[in-house]
Amino acid sequence: MKLRLFLIALLAANAGYWLWTRGDLAGFGLAPASFDEREPQRMARQIHPEWVQIRKEAKPAP
């Protein structure tokens, strides 16, 4: 009985976290901060991000 209650509480917590990360709880005032608001120092340290190019011939590391 205790294990079943624990499992239900764990599933409810996971569902709540999933809804929160998607922003579905924003109507209740429970929305996560956007990336810009959480780590502005990282955005400020970027140097020419437009220079980054993805090459098709690049092979993934083993």
Protein backbone atom coordinates (compact mmCIF):
# COMPACT_ATOMS: atom_id res chain seq x y z
CA MET A 1 0.00 0.00 0.00
CA LYS A 2 2.81 2.44 0.86
CA LEU A 3 4.68 1.56 -2.34
CA ARG A 4 1.57 2.20 -4.42
CA LEU A 5 1.09 5.60 -2.77
CA PHE A 6 4.76 6.42 -3.32
CA LEU A 7 4.49 5.46 -7.00
CA ILE A 8 1.40 7.63 -7.49
CA ALA A 9 3.11 10.59 -5.80
CA LEU A 10 6.21 10.08 -7.96
CA LEU A 11 4.16 9.95 -11.17
CA ALA A 12 2.24 13.09 -10.14
CA ALA A 13 5.50 14.92 -9.41
CA ASN A 14 6.94 13.91 -12.79
CA ALA A 15 3.77 15.00 -14.59
CA GLY A 16 3.83 18.33 -12.76
CA TYR A 17 7.46 18.92 -13.63
CA TRP A 18 6.82 18.04 -17.28
CA LEU A 19 3.90 20.48 -17.47
CA TRP A 20 5.96 23.17 -15.74
CA THR A 21 8.92 22.83 -18.13
CA ARG A 22 6.61 23.05 -21.15
CA GLY A 23 5.11 26.26 -19.77
CA ASP A 24 1.60 24.82 -19.45
CA LEU A 25 1.30 26.11 -15.89
CA ALA A 26 2.06 29.72 -16.87
CA GLY A 27 -1.63 30.57 -16.44
CA PHE A 28 -1.21 29.84 -12.74
CA GLY A 29 1.94 31.97 -12.52
CA LEU A 30 4.19 28.92 -12.47
CA ALA A 31 6.41 29.31 -15.51
CA PRO A 32 10.14 28.60 -15.63
CA ALA A 33 12.48 31.46 -16.44
CA SER A 34 13.65 31.59 -20.03
CA PHE A 35 17.27 30.84 -20.84
CA ASP A 36 18.09 34.54 -21.19
CA GLU A 37 16.80 35.27 -17.70
CA ARG A 38 18.58 32.36 -16.03
CA GLU A 39 22.09 32.82 -17.42
CA PRO A 40 22.59 36.30 -18.88
CA GLN A 41 26.37 36.09 -18.35
CA ARG A 42 26.61 33.23 -20.86
CA MET A 43 24.76 35.22 -23.48
CA ALA A 44 27.03 38.20 -22.88
CA ARG A 45 30.21 36.08 -23.27
CA GLN A 46 29.34 34.76 -26.73
CA ILE A 47 31.74 36.01 -29.36
CA HIS A 48 30.38 35.99 -32.92
CA PRO A 49 27.92 33.10 -32.63
CA GLU A 50 26.95 33.71 -36.27
CA TRP A 51 30.37 32.37 -37.32
CA VAL A 52 29.47 28.85 -36.17
CA GLN A 53 28.78 26.54 -39.10
CA ILE A 54 27.56 22.96 -39.16
CA ARG A 55 29.40 20.85 -41.69
CA LYS A 56 27.76 17.78 -43.20
CA GLU A 57 31.01 15.90 -43.76
CA ALA A 58 31.91 16.04 -40.08
CA LYS A 59 31.79 12.61 -38.44
CA PRO A 60 30.65 12.09 -34.86
CA ALA A 61 33.27 11.29 -32.26
CA PRO A 62 33.38 7.62 -31.14
